Amino acid sequence: MTALADLMTRGAWREIAAELNRATPDATSIKRELTNHGWCDLFIAMVRAIEATQRGFNSIPDKVKGMILPRPG
């Protein structure tokens, strides 16, 4: 779990840092303030991981999903 969280937050942070560098001339002080919000980084990374997993799941044909998942009812 720790390795997954570490991987997710590093990826999320790279994207956030790149956007800050483009958006503001004072990115360094903003980055320092944001590093105090580790839970925010983790939450963002978890949402992105869920979205990526869902995109992968959505690419599986419905017939295969029906064979794997239990049917409601």
N, C-alpha and C. Protein backbone atom coordinates (compact mmCIF):
# COMPACT_ATOMS: atom_id res chain seq x y z
N MET A 1 0.83 -1.18 0.00
CA MET A 1 0.00 0.00 0.00
C MET A 1 0.87 1.25 0.00
N THR A 2 1.93 1.23 0.78
CA THR A 2 2.82 2.38 0.84
C THR A 2 3.46 2.65 -0.52
N ALA A 3 3.88 1.59 -1.19
CA ALA A 3 4.50 1.77 -2.51
C ALA A 3 3.50 2.35 -3.50
N LEU A 4 2.25 1.89 -3.45
CA LEU A 4 1.22 2.40 -4.34
C LEU A 4 0.96 3.88 -4.04
N ALA A 5 0.82 4.23 -2.78
CA ALA A 5 0.59 5.63 -2.41
C ALA A 5 1.75 6.50 -2.84
N ASP A 6 2.96 6.02 -2.66
CA ASP A 6 4.15 6.77 -3.05
C ASP A 6 4.16 7.01 -4.56
N LEU A 7 3.88 5.97 -5.30
CA LEU A 7 3.87 6.08 -6.76
C LEU A 7 2.79 7.04 -7.23
N MET A 8 1.60 6.94 -6.64
CA MET A 8 0.50 7.81 -7.06
C MET A 8 0.78 9.27 -6.74
N THR A 9 1.29 9.55 -5.54
CA THR A 9 1.52 10.94 -5.17
C THR A 9 2.66 11.56 -5.96
N ARG A 10 3.67 10.78 -6.28
CA ARG A 10 4.77 11.33 -7.09
C ARG A 10 4.26 11.72 -8.48
N GLY A 11 3.46 10.86 -9.08
CA GLY A 11 2.91 11.17 -10.40
C GLY A 11 2.01 12.38 -10.35
N ALA A 12 1.14 12.43 -9.36
CA ALA A 12 0.23 13.57 -9.22
C ALA A 12 1.02 14.85 -8.97
N TRP A 13 2.03 14.76 -8.12
CA TRP A 13 2.81 15.96 -7.80
C TRP A 13 3.54 16.49 -9.02
N ARG A 14 4.07 15.61 -9.86
CA ARG A 14 4.75 16.07 -11.08
C ARG A 14 3.81 16.87 -11.96
N GLU A 15 2.59 16.40 -12.11
CA GLU A 15 1.61 17.11 -12.93
C GLU A 15 1.22 18.44 -12.31
N ILE A 16 1.00 18.44 -11.00
CA ILE A 16 0.62 19.67 -10.30
C ILE A 16 1.76 20.68 -10.39
N ALA A 17 2.99 20.25 -10.15
CA ALA A 17 4.14 21.15 -10.19
C ALA A 17 4.33 21.75 -11.58
N ALA A 18 4.13 20.94 -12.61
CA ALA A 18 4.27 21.45 -13.97
C ALA A 18 3.23 22.52 -14.26
N GLU A 19 2.00 22.30 -13.82
CA GLU A 19 0.94 23.29 -14.02
C GLU A 19 1.24 24.57 -13.26
N LEU A 20 1.74 24.44 -12.04
CA LEU A 20 2.07 25.63 -11.26
C LEU A 20 3.19 26.43 -11.92
N ASN A 21 4.18 25.74 -12.45
CA ASN A 21 5.28 26.43 -13.12
C ASN A 21 4.77 27.24 -14.31
N ARG A 22 3.77 26.72 -15.00
CA ARG A 22 3.19 27.44 -16.14
C ARG A 22 2.27 28.57 -15.69
N ALA A 23 1.59 28.38 -14.57
CA ALA A 23 0.52 29.30 -14.17
C ALA A 23 0.97 30.53 -13.38
N THR A 24 2.08 30.43 -12.69
CA THR A 24 2.45 31.53 -11.80
C THR A 24 3.96 31.73 -11.75
N PRO A 25 4.39 32.99 -11.62
CA PRO A 25 5.82 33.23 -11.49
C PRO A 25 6.37 32.85 -10.11
N ASP A 26 5.48 32.72 -9.11
CA ASP A 26 5.90 32.39 -7.74
C ASP A 26 5.55 30.95 -7.39
N ALA A 27 5.86 30.03 -8.28
CA ALA A 27 5.50 28.64 -8.08
C ALA A 27 6.20 28.02 -6.87
N THR A 28 7.41 28.45 -6.57
CA THR A 28 8.17 27.84 -5.48
C THR A 28 7.45 27.98 -4.14
N SER A 29 6.98 29.17 -3.81
CA SER A 29 6.31 29.34 -2.51
C SER A 29 4.98 28.60 -2.47
N ILE A 30 4.29 28.54 -3.59
CA ILE A 30 3.04 27.79 -3.63
C ILE A 30 3.31 26.31 -3.46
N LYS A 31 4.36 25.79 -4.08
CA LYS A 31 4.72 24.38 -3.93
C LYS A 31 5.04 24.07 -2.47
N ARG A 32 5.74 24.97 -1.81
CA ARG A 32 6.06 24.75 -0.39
C ARG A 32 4.79 24.65 0.44
N GLU A 33 3.83 25.52 0.17
CA GLU A 33 2.57 25.48 0.91
C GLU A 33 1.81 24.19 0.62
N LEU A 34 1.82 23.76 -0.62
CA LEU A 34 1.08 22.55 -0.99
C LEU A 34 1.70 21.28 -0.43
N THR A 35 2.99 21.26 -0.19
CA THR A 35 3.61 20.05 0.35
C THR A 35 3.11 19.74 1.76
N ASN A 36 2.54 20.72 2.42
CA ASN A 36 1.95 20.49 3.74
C ASN A 36 0.59 19.83 3.65
N HIS A 37 0.14 19.58 2.44
CA HIS A 37 -1.18 18.98 2.23
C HIS A 37 -1.04 17.59 1.62
N GLY A 38 -0.31 16.73 2.28
CA GLY A 38 -0.07 15.38 1.77
C GLY A 38 -1.35 14.60 1.55
N TRP A 39 -2.33 14.79 2.43
CA TRP A 39 -3.60 14.07 2.25
C TRP A 39 -4.29 14.51 0.98
N CYS A 40 -4.17 15.79 0.64
CA CYS A 40 -4.78 16.28 -0.60
C CYS A 40 -4.13 15.59 -1.80
N ASP A 41 -2.82 15.50 -1.78
CA ASP A 41 -2.11 14.81 -2.88
C ASP A 41 -2.56 13.37 -3.00
N LEU A 42 -2.67 12.70 -1.86
CA LEU A 42 -3.07 11.30 -1.87
C LEU A 42 -4.49 11.15 -2.41
N PHE A 43 -5.38 12.03 -1.98
CA PHE A 43 -6.76 11.97 -2.45
C PHE A 43 -6.84 12.17 -3.97
N ILE A 44 -6.13 13.17 -4.47
CA ILE A 44 -6.11 13.43 -5.91
C ILE A 44 -5.56 12.22 -6.65
N ALA A 45 -4.50 11.66 -6.15
CA ALA A 45 -3.89 10.49 -6.79
C ALA A 45 -4.83 9.29 -6.77
N MET A 46 -5.56 9.11 -5.68
CA MET A 46 -6.50 7.99 -5.60
C MET A 46 -7.62 8.17 -6.62
N VAL A 47 -8.12 9.39 -6.76
CA VAL A 47 -9.17 9.65 -7.74
C VAL A 47 -8.67 9.35 -9.14
N ARG A 48 -7.45 9.77 -9.44
CA ARG A 48 -6.88 9.51 -10.76
C ARG A 48 -6.69 8.01 -10.98
N ALA A 49 -6.28 7.28 -9.97
CA ALA A 49 -6.10 5.83 -10.10
C ALA A 49 -7.44 5.15 -10.34
N ILE A 50 -8.47 5.61 -9.63
CA ILE A 50 -9.81 5.04 -9.82
C ILE A 50 -10.31 5.33 -11.23
N GLU A 51 -10.10 6.55 -11.69
CA GLU A 51 -10.53 6.89 -13.05
C GLU A 51 -9.81 6.03 -14.09
N ALA A 52 -8.50 5.84 -13.91
CA ALA A 52 -7.74 5.02 -14.86
C ALA A 52 -8.22 3.57 -14.83
N THR A 53 -8.51 3.05 -13.64
CA THR A 53 -9.01 1.69 -13.51
C THR A 53 -10.37 1.56 -14.18
N GLN A 54 -11.21 2.56 -13.99
CA GLN A 54 -12.54 2.52 -14.59
C GLN A 54 -12.46 2.59 -16.11
N ARG A 55 -11.55 3.40 -16.64
CA ARG A 55 -11.37 3.45 -18.09
C ARG A 55 -10.95 2.08 -18.62
N GLY A 56 -10.06 1.42 -17.90
CA GLY A 56 -9.64 0.08 -18.29
C GLY A 56 -10.80 -0.90 -18.24
N PHE A 57 -11.58 -0.82 -17.17
CA PHE A 57 -12.73 -1.71 -17.03
C PHE A 57 -13.75 -1.46 -18.14
N ASN A 58 -13.96 -0.18 -18.47
CA ASN A 58 -14.93 0.16 -19.51
C ASN A 58 -14.50 -0.33 -20.89
N SER A 59 -13.22 -0.59 -21.06
CA SER A 59 -12.75 -1.07 -22.35
C SER A 59 -12.96 -2.58 -22.53
N ILE A 60 -13.35 -3.26 -21.45
CA ILE A 60 -13.63 -4.71 -21.53
C ILE A 60 -15.02 -4.89 -22.13
N PRO A 61 -15.17 -5.74 -23.11
CA PRO A 61 -16.50 -5.97 -23.72
C PRO A 61 -17.51 -6.46 -22.68
N ASP A 62 -18.77 -6.06 -22.86
CA ASP A 62 -19.84 -6.43 -21.92
C ASP A 62 -19.99 -7.94 -21.78
N LYS A 63 -19.79 -8.68 -22.84
CA LYS A 63 -19.93 -10.14 -22.77
C LYS A 63 -18.92 -10.72 -21.79
N VAL A 64 -17.69 -10.22 -21.82
CA VAL A 64 -16.65 -10.71 -20.90
C VAL A 64 -16.99 -10.29 -19.47
N LYS A 65 -17.47 -9.07 -19.28
CA LYS A 65 -17.86 -8.62 -17.95
C LYS A 65 -18.95 -9.53 -17.39
N GLY A 66 -19.91 -9.91 -18.24
CA GLY A 66 -21.00 -10.78 -17.81
C GLY A 66 -20.51 -12.15 -17.37
N MET A 67 -19.44 -12.60 -17.96
CA MET A 67 -18.87 -13.90 -17.58
C MET A 67 -18.13 -13.83 -16.25
N ILE A 68 -17.63 -12.66 -15.90
CA ILE A 68 -16.81 -12.49 -14.71
C ILE A 68 -17.64 -12.03 -13.50
N LEU A 69 -18.48 -11.04 -13.71
CA LEU A 69 -19.22 -10.43 -12.61
C LEU A 69 -20.56 -11.14 -12.35
N PRO A 70 -20.97 -11.21 -11.08
CA PRO A 70 -22.27 -11.82 -10.80
C PRO A 70 -23.40 -10.93 -11.34
N ARG A 71 -24.43 -11.56 -11.74
CA ARG A 71 -25.59 -10.82 -12.27
C ARG A 71 -26.48 -10.39 -11.12
N PRO A 72 -27.02 -9.16 -11.16
CA PRO A 72 -27.91 -8.70 -10.08
C PRO A 72 -29.18 -9.52 -10.04
N GLY A 73 -29.69 -9.72 -8.82
CA GLY A 73 -30.99 -10.38 -8.68
C GLY A 73 -30.90 -11.77 -8.40
